[in-house]
Amino acid sequence: MSAALIPYAFPSVTRVVIAWLLPLCGPGGVGARRPDAAVLPYRLVTTVAGHETPEKVKQCATVSVHTFGDSYDSAEQAAQITHQRMLLMGPPTYGPQQITITNGDGSTQTVVPDCVTTSQIPVWHDYEDELIYRFVARYDIDMRVVSNR
């Protein structure tokens, strides 16, 4: 049985941010979940809120990027470097960037964020493990639909 679907979809903004940070962090340095044995610094990416425009052609997501380090200073420095990389992702600060993501089914897709703005600069947040230090930043990222055919 197959159900009818619209011929377009929004890319996963979590996958977009992970793919964007991958050249900075390496494959063991960024993800949607932080493994217990993750090498520090580590960046955890989660989508925390969002909406679609009424005409359903743009999705506006708020993405949280947690940067973990083994000391306050190393976490803060890594968070600042992460922030610099995020600002390079697209307008209005820099031109549009093409980002290739790998979808859950293994297919790849190239997307271009319309806009990336900072809704929270990197700030200190306590973490349950006293030996791990954390800074959290949030970004609003606008993405257009892409064909799913």
N, C-alpha and C. Protein backbone atom coordinates (compact mmCIF):
# COMPACT_ATOMS: atom_id res chain seq x y z
N MET A 1 0.84 -1.16 0.00
CA MET A 1 0.00 0.00 0.00
C MET A 1 0.89 1.24 0.00
N SER A 2 0.59 2.17 -0.87
CA SER A 2 1.35 3.42 -0.87
C SER A 2 0.39 4.59 -0.75
N ALA A 3 0.83 5.59 -0.05
CA ALA A 3 0.00 6.77 0.16
C ALA A 3 0.55 7.92 -0.67
N ALA A 4 -0.32 8.80 -1.11
CA ALA A 4 0.10 9.96 -1.87
C ALA A 4 0.88 10.91 -0.98
N LEU A 5 1.94 11.49 -1.54
CA LEU A 5 2.76 12.47 -0.83
C LEU A 5 2.96 13.68 -1.71
N ILE A 6 3.21 14.81 -1.12
CA ILE A 6 3.54 15.98 -1.91
C ILE A 6 4.89 15.74 -2.58
N PRO A 7 5.16 16.37 -3.72
CA PRO A 7 6.39 16.07 -4.47
C PRO A 7 7.63 16.81 -3.97
N TYR A 8 7.57 17.39 -2.79
CA TYR A 8 8.72 18.09 -2.26
C TYR A 8 8.78 17.87 -0.75
N ALA A 9 9.94 18.18 -0.17
CA ALA A 9 10.12 18.03 1.27
C ALA A 9 11.17 19.02 1.74
N PHE A 10 11.23 19.24 3.03
CA PHE A 10 12.27 20.08 3.61
C PHE A 10 13.43 19.19 4.03
N PRO A 11 14.64 19.63 3.80
CA PRO A 11 15.79 18.84 4.27
C PRO A 11 15.86 18.89 5.80
N SER A 12 16.46 17.89 6.38
CA SER A 12 16.66 17.86 7.83
C SER A 12 17.69 18.93 8.20
N VAL A 13 17.25 19.94 8.94
CA VAL A 13 18.18 21.01 9.31
C VAL A 13 19.25 20.49 10.28
N THR A 14 18.91 19.48 11.08
CA THR A 14 19.92 18.87 11.95
C THR A 14 21.03 18.27 11.10
N ARG A 15 20.67 17.53 10.04
CA ARG A 15 21.67 16.94 9.16
C ARG A 15 22.47 18.03 8.43
N VAL A 16 21.82 19.13 8.08
CA VAL A 16 22.51 20.23 7.40
C VAL A 16 23.60 20.81 8.30
N VAL A 17 23.26 21.08 9.56
CA VAL A 17 24.24 21.67 10.47
C VAL A 17 25.36 20.68 10.77
N ILE A 18 25.03 19.41 10.97
CA ILE A 18 26.08 18.41 11.20
C ILE A 18 27.02 18.35 10.01
N ALA A 19 26.47 18.31 8.80
CA ALA A 19 27.32 18.26 7.60
C ALA A 19 28.18 19.52 7.50
N TRP A 20 27.63 20.67 7.87
CA TRP A 20 28.38 21.93 7.81
C TRP A 20 29.53 21.95 8.81
N LEU A 21 29.30 21.39 10.01
CA LEU A 21 30.33 21.38 11.04
C LEU A 21 31.34 20.25 10.89
N LEU A 22 31.01 19.25 10.10
CA LEU A 22 31.89 18.09 9.94
C LEU A 22 33.32 18.44 9.53
N PRO A 23 33.55 19.34 8.56
CA PRO A 23 34.93 19.68 8.21
C PRO A 23 35.70 20.34 9.36
N LEU A 24 34.99 21.00 10.26
CA LEU A 24 35.60 21.64 11.41
C LEU A 24 35.92 20.64 12.51
N CYS A 25 35.00 19.71 12.74
CA CYS A 25 35.06 18.83 13.91
C CYS A 25 35.55 17.42 13.63
N GLY A 26 35.42 16.97 12.38
CA GLY A 26 35.74 15.58 12.07
C GLY A 26 34.58 14.67 12.41
N PRO A 27 34.61 13.43 11.89
CA PRO A 27 33.47 12.53 12.06
C PRO A 27 33.15 12.16 13.51
N GLY A 28 34.11 12.20 14.41
CA GLY A 28 33.84 11.87 15.81
C GLY A 28 33.60 13.08 16.67
N GLY A 29 33.50 14.27 16.05
CA GLY A 29 33.40 15.49 16.83
C GLY A 29 32.08 16.22 16.75
N VAL A 30 31.11 15.65 16.02
CA VAL A 30 29.80 16.30 15.89
C VAL A 30 28.75 15.25 15.60
N GLY A 31 27.55 15.47 16.13
CA GLY A 31 26.46 14.53 15.86
C GLY A 31 25.17 14.97 16.52
N ALA A 32 24.14 14.17 16.32
CA ALA A 32 22.82 14.45 16.89
C ALA A 32 22.68 13.85 18.29
N ARG A 33 23.64 13.04 18.68
CA ARG A 33 23.70 12.47 20.03
C ARG A 33 25.14 12.49 20.48
N ARG A 34 25.37 12.75 21.76
CA ARG A 34 26.74 12.76 22.28
C ARG A 34 27.03 11.42 22.94
N PRO A 35 27.91 10.63 22.32
CA PRO A 35 28.27 9.36 22.94
C PRO A 35 28.98 9.58 24.27
N ASP A 36 28.81 8.67 25.21
CA ASP A 36 29.47 8.79 26.52
C ASP A 36 30.99 8.91 26.38
N ALA A 37 31.54 8.21 25.40
CA ALA A 37 33.00 8.21 25.21
C ALA A 37 33.44 9.20 24.14
N ALA A 38 32.63 10.21 23.86
CA ALA A 38 32.98 11.18 22.81
C ALA A 38 34.27 11.91 23.15
N VAL A 39 35.10 12.10 22.13
CA VAL A 39 36.31 12.87 22.29
C VAL A 39 35.91 14.34 22.37
N LEU A 40 36.53 15.07 23.26
CA LEU A 40 36.22 16.49 23.43
C LEU A 40 37.26 17.34 22.72
N PRO A 41 36.91 18.46 22.13
CA PRO A 41 35.57 19.04 22.13
C PRO A 41 34.62 18.26 21.23
N TYR A 42 33.35 18.32 21.58
CA TYR A 42 32.30 17.66 20.81
C TYR A 42 31.15 18.64 20.64
N ARG A 43 30.52 18.61 19.45
CA ARG A 43 29.37 19.47 19.18
C ARG A 43 28.12 18.62 19.00
N LEU A 44 27.10 18.91 19.80
CA LEU A 44 25.81 18.21 19.74
C LEU A 44 24.81 19.14 19.07
N VAL A 45 24.15 18.66 18.02
CA VAL A 45 23.24 19.48 17.23
C VAL A 45 21.82 18.93 17.37
N THR A 46 20.89 19.82 17.77
CA THR A 46 19.48 19.43 17.86
C THR A 46 18.60 20.55 17.35
N THR A 47 17.54 20.19 16.69
CA THR A 47 16.53 21.16 16.29
C THR A 47 15.55 21.28 17.45
N VAL A 48 15.34 22.51 17.93
CA VAL A 48 14.52 22.69 19.12
C VAL A 48 13.17 23.36 18.86
N ALA A 49 13.02 24.00 17.71
CA ALA A 49 11.75 24.66 17.37
C ALA A 49 11.75 24.97 15.88
N GLY A 50 10.59 25.34 15.38
CA GLY A 50 10.53 25.73 13.98
C GLY A 50 9.10 25.89 13.49
N HIS A 51 9.01 26.46 12.30
CA HIS A 51 7.71 26.60 11.66
C HIS A 51 7.91 26.67 10.15
N GLU A 52 6.83 26.51 9.43
CA GLU A 52 6.84 26.66 7.98
C GLU A 52 6.07 27.92 7.62
N THR A 53 6.46 28.55 6.54
CA THR A 53 5.73 29.73 6.08
C THR A 53 4.35 29.27 5.60
N PRO A 54 3.36 30.18 5.61
CA PRO A 54 2.00 29.79 5.20
C PRO A 54 1.92 29.16 3.81
N GLU A 55 2.77 29.61 2.89
CA GLU A 55 2.72 29.04 1.53
C GLU A 55 3.52 27.73 1.42
N LYS A 56 4.12 27.27 2.53
CA LYS A 56 4.82 25.98 2.62
C LYS A 56 6.02 25.87 1.70
N VAL A 57 6.73 26.98 1.47
CA VAL A 57 7.93 26.92 0.63
C VAL A 57 9.20 27.13 1.42
N LYS A 58 9.07 27.51 2.69
CA LYS A 58 10.25 27.75 3.52
C LYS A 58 10.00 27.23 4.92
N GLN A 59 11.02 26.61 5.48
CA GLN A 59 10.97 26.14 6.86
C GLN A 59 11.98 26.94 7.65
N CYS A 60 11.56 27.43 8.81
CA CYS A 60 12.42 28.25 9.66
C CYS A 60 12.63 27.47 10.96
N ALA A 61 13.84 26.96 11.16
CA ALA A 61 14.12 26.10 12.31
C ALA A 61 15.11 26.76 13.26
N THR A 62 14.92 26.54 14.55
CA THR A 62 15.90 26.95 15.55
C THR A 62 16.71 25.72 15.92
N VAL A 63 18.02 25.84 15.75
CA VAL A 63 18.94 24.73 16.00
C VAL A 63 19.82 25.09 17.18
N SER A 64 19.94 24.16 18.12
CA SER A 64 20.79 24.34 19.29
C SER A 64 22.10 23.58 19.05
N VAL A 65 23.21 24.27 19.27
CA VAL A 65 24.52 23.64 19.14
C VAL A 65 25.21 23.70 20.50
N HIS A 66 25.38 22.52 21.11
CA HIS A 66 26.05 22.40 22.41
C HIS A 66 27.50 22.04 22.13
N THR A 67 28.42 22.83 22.66
CA THR A 67 29.85 22.54 22.50
C THR A 67 30.40 22.13 23.85
N PHE A 68 30.95 20.91 23.92
CA PHE A 68 31.48 20.34 25.16
C PHE A 68 33.01 20.37 25.13
N GLY A 69 33.61 20.62 26.29
CA GLY A 69 35.06 20.58 26.40
C GLY A 69 35.48 20.02 27.75
N ASP A 70 36.78 19.77 27.91
CA ASP A 70 37.28 19.18 29.16
C ASP A 70 37.68 20.24 30.18
N SER A 71 37.54 21.52 29.84
CA SER A 71 37.75 22.62 30.78
C SER A 71 36.88 23.78 30.31
N TYR A 72 36.67 24.73 31.19
CA TYR A 72 35.87 25.90 30.82
C TYR A 72 36.52 26.60 29.62
N ASP A 73 37.83 26.81 29.69
CA ASP A 73 38.53 27.53 28.63
C ASP A 73 38.47 26.80 27.30
N SER A 74 38.66 25.47 27.31
CA SER A 74 38.63 24.73 26.04
C SER A 74 37.22 24.69 25.46
N ALA A 75 36.21 24.58 26.31
CA ALA A 75 34.82 24.59 25.83
C ALA A 75 34.46 25.95 25.26
N GLU A 76 34.88 27.02 25.94
CA GLU A 76 34.59 28.36 25.44
C GLU A 76 35.28 28.62 24.11
N GLN A 77 36.54 28.24 24.01
CA GLN A 77 37.28 28.44 22.75
C GLN A 77 36.65 27.64 21.62
N ALA A 78 36.31 26.38 21.87
CA ALA A 78 35.69 25.55 20.84
C ALA A 78 34.32 26.12 20.44
N ALA A 79 33.57 26.66 21.41
CA ALA A 79 32.27 27.25 21.11
C ALA A 79 32.43 28.48 20.22
N GLN A 80 33.45 29.28 20.46
CA GLN A 80 33.69 30.46 19.63
C GLN A 80 34.07 30.07 18.20
N ILE A 81 34.87 29.03 18.06
CA ILE A 81 35.25 28.53 16.73
C ILE A 81 34.02 27.98 16.02
N THR A 82 33.18 27.25 16.75
CA THR A 82 31.94 26.72 16.19
C THR A 82 31.05 27.88 15.73
N HIS A 83 30.97 28.92 16.53
CA HIS A 83 30.15 30.08 16.20
C HIS A 83 30.66 30.74 14.91
N GLN A 84 31.96 30.88 14.78
CA GLN A 84 32.53 31.46 13.56
C GLN A 84 32.15 30.63 12.34
N ARG A 85 32.20 29.32 12.47
CA ARG A 85 31.83 28.43 11.37
C ARG A 85 30.34 28.58 11.03
N MET A 86 29.48 28.65 12.05
CA MET A 86 28.05 28.77 11.81
C MET A 86 27.72 30.08 11.10
N LEU A 87 28.40 31.16 11.44
CA LEU A 87 28.14 32.45 10.78
C LEU A 87 28.51 32.42 9.31
N LEU A 88 29.41 31.55 8.94
CA LEU A 88 29.83 31.42 7.54
C LEU A 88 28.83 30.62 6.70
N MET A 89 27.84 30.01 7.34
CA MET A 89 26.91 29.10 6.65
C MET A 89 26.06 29.78 5.58
N GLY A 90 25.76 31.06 5.75
CA GLY A 90 24.92 31.69 4.73
C GLY A 90 24.50 33.09 5.08
N PRO A 91 23.64 33.66 4.22
CA PRO A 91 23.17 35.02 4.41
C PRO A 91 22.52 35.18 5.78
N PRO A 92 22.55 36.36 6.34
CA PRO A 92 22.96 37.62 5.73
C PRO A 92 24.45 37.94 5.87
N THR A 93 25.18 37.17 6.68
CA THR A 93 26.59 37.50 6.91
C THR A 93 27.46 37.16 5.71
N TYR A 94 27.24 36.00 5.11
CA TYR A 94 28.03 35.55 3.96
C TYR A 94 27.09 35.04 2.88
N GLY A 95 27.64 34.84 1.69
CA GLY A 95 26.83 34.35 0.59
C GLY A 95 26.34 32.94 0.83
N PRO A 96 25.36 32.50 0.05
CA PRO A 96 24.80 31.17 0.20
C PRO A 96 25.86 30.08 0.02
N GLN A 97 25.81 29.08 0.86
CA GLN A 97 26.75 27.96 0.82
C GLN A 97 26.01 26.69 0.41
N GLN A 98 26.61 25.91 -0.46
CA GLN A 98 26.04 24.60 -0.81
C GLN A 98 26.54 23.57 0.19
N ILE A 99 25.62 22.84 0.77
CA ILE A 99 25.95 21.84 1.78
C ILE A 99 25.35 20.51 1.35
N THR A 100 26.17 19.49 1.27
CA THR A 100 25.70 18.16 0.88
C THR A 100 25.46 17.34 2.14
N ILE A 101 24.24 16.84 2.26
CA ILE A 101 23.87 16.02 3.41
C ILE A 101 23.64 14.58 2.96
N THR A 102 23.74 13.68 3.91
CA THR A 102 23.39 12.28 3.68
C THR A 102 22.09 12.03 4.42
N ASN A 103 21.06 11.63 3.70
CA ASN A 103 19.75 11.37 4.29
C ASN A 103 19.74 10.02 5.00
N GLY A 104 18.68 9.77 5.74
CA GLY A 104 18.55 8.53 6.49
C GLY A 104 18.55 7.28 5.62
N ASP A 105 18.14 7.43 4.35
CA ASP A 105 18.13 6.28 3.44
C ASP A 105 19.46 6.11 2.70
N GLY A 106 20.46 6.94 3.03
CA GLY A 106 21.78 6.83 2.40
C GLY A 106 21.95 7.71 1.17
N SER A 107 20.87 8.28 0.66
CA SER A 107 20.98 9.17 -0.49
C SER A 107 21.60 10.50 -0.06
N THR A 108 22.16 11.21 -1.02
CA THR A 108 22.72 12.52 -0.72
C THR A 108 21.91 13.60 -1.39
N GLN A 109 22.04 14.79 -0.88
CA GLN A 109 21.25 15.91 -1.35
C GLN A 109 22.05 17.19 -1.07
N THR A 110 22.08 18.10 -2.01
CA THR A 110 22.75 19.38 -1.81
C THR A 110 21.70 20.44 -1.53
N VAL A 111 21.89 21.17 -0.45
CA VAL A 111 20.94 22.21 -0.04
C VAL A 111 21.69 23.52 0.18
N VAL A 112 20.93 24.62 0.15
CA VAL A 112 21.50 25.95 0.33
C VAL A 112 20.63 26.71 1.33
N PRO A 113 21.13 26.98 2.54
CA PRO A 113 20.33 27.75 3.49
C PRO A 113 20.05 29.16 2.97
N ASP A 114 18.81 29.62 3.14
CA ASP A 114 18.42 30.98 2.73
C ASP A 114 18.96 32.03 3.69
N CYS A 115 18.96 31.70 4.98
CA CYS A 115 19.36 32.68 5.99
C CYS A 115 19.78 31.96 7.26
N VAL A 116 20.83 32.47 7.89
CA VAL A 116 21.30 31.93 9.17
C VAL A 116 21.52 33.12 10.11
N THR A 117 20.77 33.16 11.20
CA THR A 117 20.94 34.23 12.17
C THR A 117 21.13 33.63 13.56
N THR A 118 21.81 34.36 14.40
CA THR A 118 22.08 33.90 15.77
C THR A 118 20.94 34.35 16.67
N SER A 119 20.29 33.40 17.33
CA SER A 119 19.26 33.76 18.30
C SER A 119 19.80 33.70 19.73
N GLN A 120 20.93 33.01 19.91
CA GLN A 120 21.61 32.99 21.21
C GLN A 120 23.10 32.79 20.96
N ILE A 121 23.91 33.74 21.37
CA ILE A 121 25.36 33.57 21.24
C ILE A 121 25.81 32.44 22.16
N PRO A 122 27.01 31.88 21.97
CA PRO A 122 27.47 30.82 22.87
C PRO A 122 27.53 31.29 24.32
N VAL A 123 26.78 30.62 25.18
CA VAL A 123 26.75 30.95 26.61
C VAL A 123 26.98 29.69 27.44
N TRP A 124 27.53 29.88 28.62
CA TRP A 124 27.84 28.79 29.54
C TRP A 124 26.56 28.16 30.08
N HIS A 125 26.51 26.82 30.11
CA HIS A 125 25.42 26.07 30.74
C HIS A 125 26.04 24.95 31.55
N ASP A 126 25.58 24.78 32.79
CA ASP A 126 26.04 23.64 33.59
C ASP A 126 25.72 22.34 32.88
N TYR A 127 26.49 21.31 33.20
CA TYR A 127 26.26 19.99 32.64
C TYR A 127 26.30 18.99 33.80
N GLU A 128 25.55 17.89 33.68
CA GLU A 128 25.45 16.95 34.80
C GLU A 128 26.77 16.29 35.19
N ASP A 129 27.70 16.20 34.27
CA ASP A 129 29.02 15.64 34.56
C ASP A 129 29.96 16.81 34.89
N GLU A 130 30.48 16.83 36.11
CA GLU A 130 31.31 17.95 36.55
C GLU A 130 32.67 18.02 35.85
N LEU A 131 33.02 16.99 35.10
CA LEU A 131 34.30 16.99 34.38
C LEU A 131 34.13 17.43 32.93
N ILE A 132 32.90 17.74 32.55
CA ILE A 132 32.62 18.20 31.18
C ILE A 132 31.99 19.59 31.27
N TYR A 133 32.48 20.48 30.42
CA TYR A 133 32.02 21.87 30.40
C TYR A 133 31.26 22.10 29.10
N ARG A 134 30.24 22.97 29.16
CA ARG A 134 29.36 23.12 28.00
C ARG A 134 28.99 24.58 27.74
N PHE A 135 29.02 24.94 26.46
CA PHE A 135 28.48 26.21 25.98
C PHE A 135 27.38 25.89 24.98
N VAL A 136 26.33 26.70 24.97
CA VAL A 136 25.19 26.46 24.08
C VAL A 136 24.92 27.72 23.26
N ALA A 137 24.73 27.53 21.96
CA ALA A 137 24.34 28.61 21.06
C ALA A 137 23.12 28.14 20.27
N ARG A 138 22.34 29.11 19.80
CA ARG A 138 21.17 28.76 18.98
C ARG A 138 21.16 29.63 17.72
N TYR A 139 20.74 28.98 16.64
CA TYR A 139 20.72 29.63 15.33
C TYR A 139 19.37 29.41 14.67
N ASP A 140 18.85 30.43 14.04
CA ASP A 140 17.64 30.31 13.24
C ASP A 140 18.08 30.13 11.79
N ILE A 141 17.64 29.03 11.19
CA ILE A 141 18.07 28.68 9.84
C ILE A 141 16.84 28.51 8.96
N ASP A 142 16.81 29.25 7.85
CA ASP A 142 15.71 29.15 6.89
C ASP A 142 16.14 28.29 5.72
N MET A 143 15.31 27.29 5.40
CA MET A 143 15.59 26.37 4.30
C MET A 143 14.37 26.32 3.38
N ARG A 144 14.63 26.25 2.09
CA ARG A 144 13.54 26.10 1.11
C ARG A 144 13.30 24.62 0.85
N VAL A 145 12.12 24.33 0.30
CA VAL A 145 11.79 22.95 -0.04
C VAL A 145 12.69 22.46 -1.17
N VAL A 146 12.85 21.14 -1.25
CA VAL A 146 13.58 20.51 -2.34
C VAL A 146 12.71 19.37 -2.87
N SER A 147 12.93 19.02 -4.11
CA SER A 147 12.16 17.94 -4.72
C SER A 147 12.47 16.61 -4.02
N ASN A 148 11.48 15.79 -3.82
CA ASN A 148 11.73 14.47 -3.25
C ASN A 148 11.47 13.38 -4.27
N ARG A 149 11.62 13.74 -5.54
CA ARG A 149 11.43 12.74 -6.61
C ARG A 149 12.73 12.47 -7.28
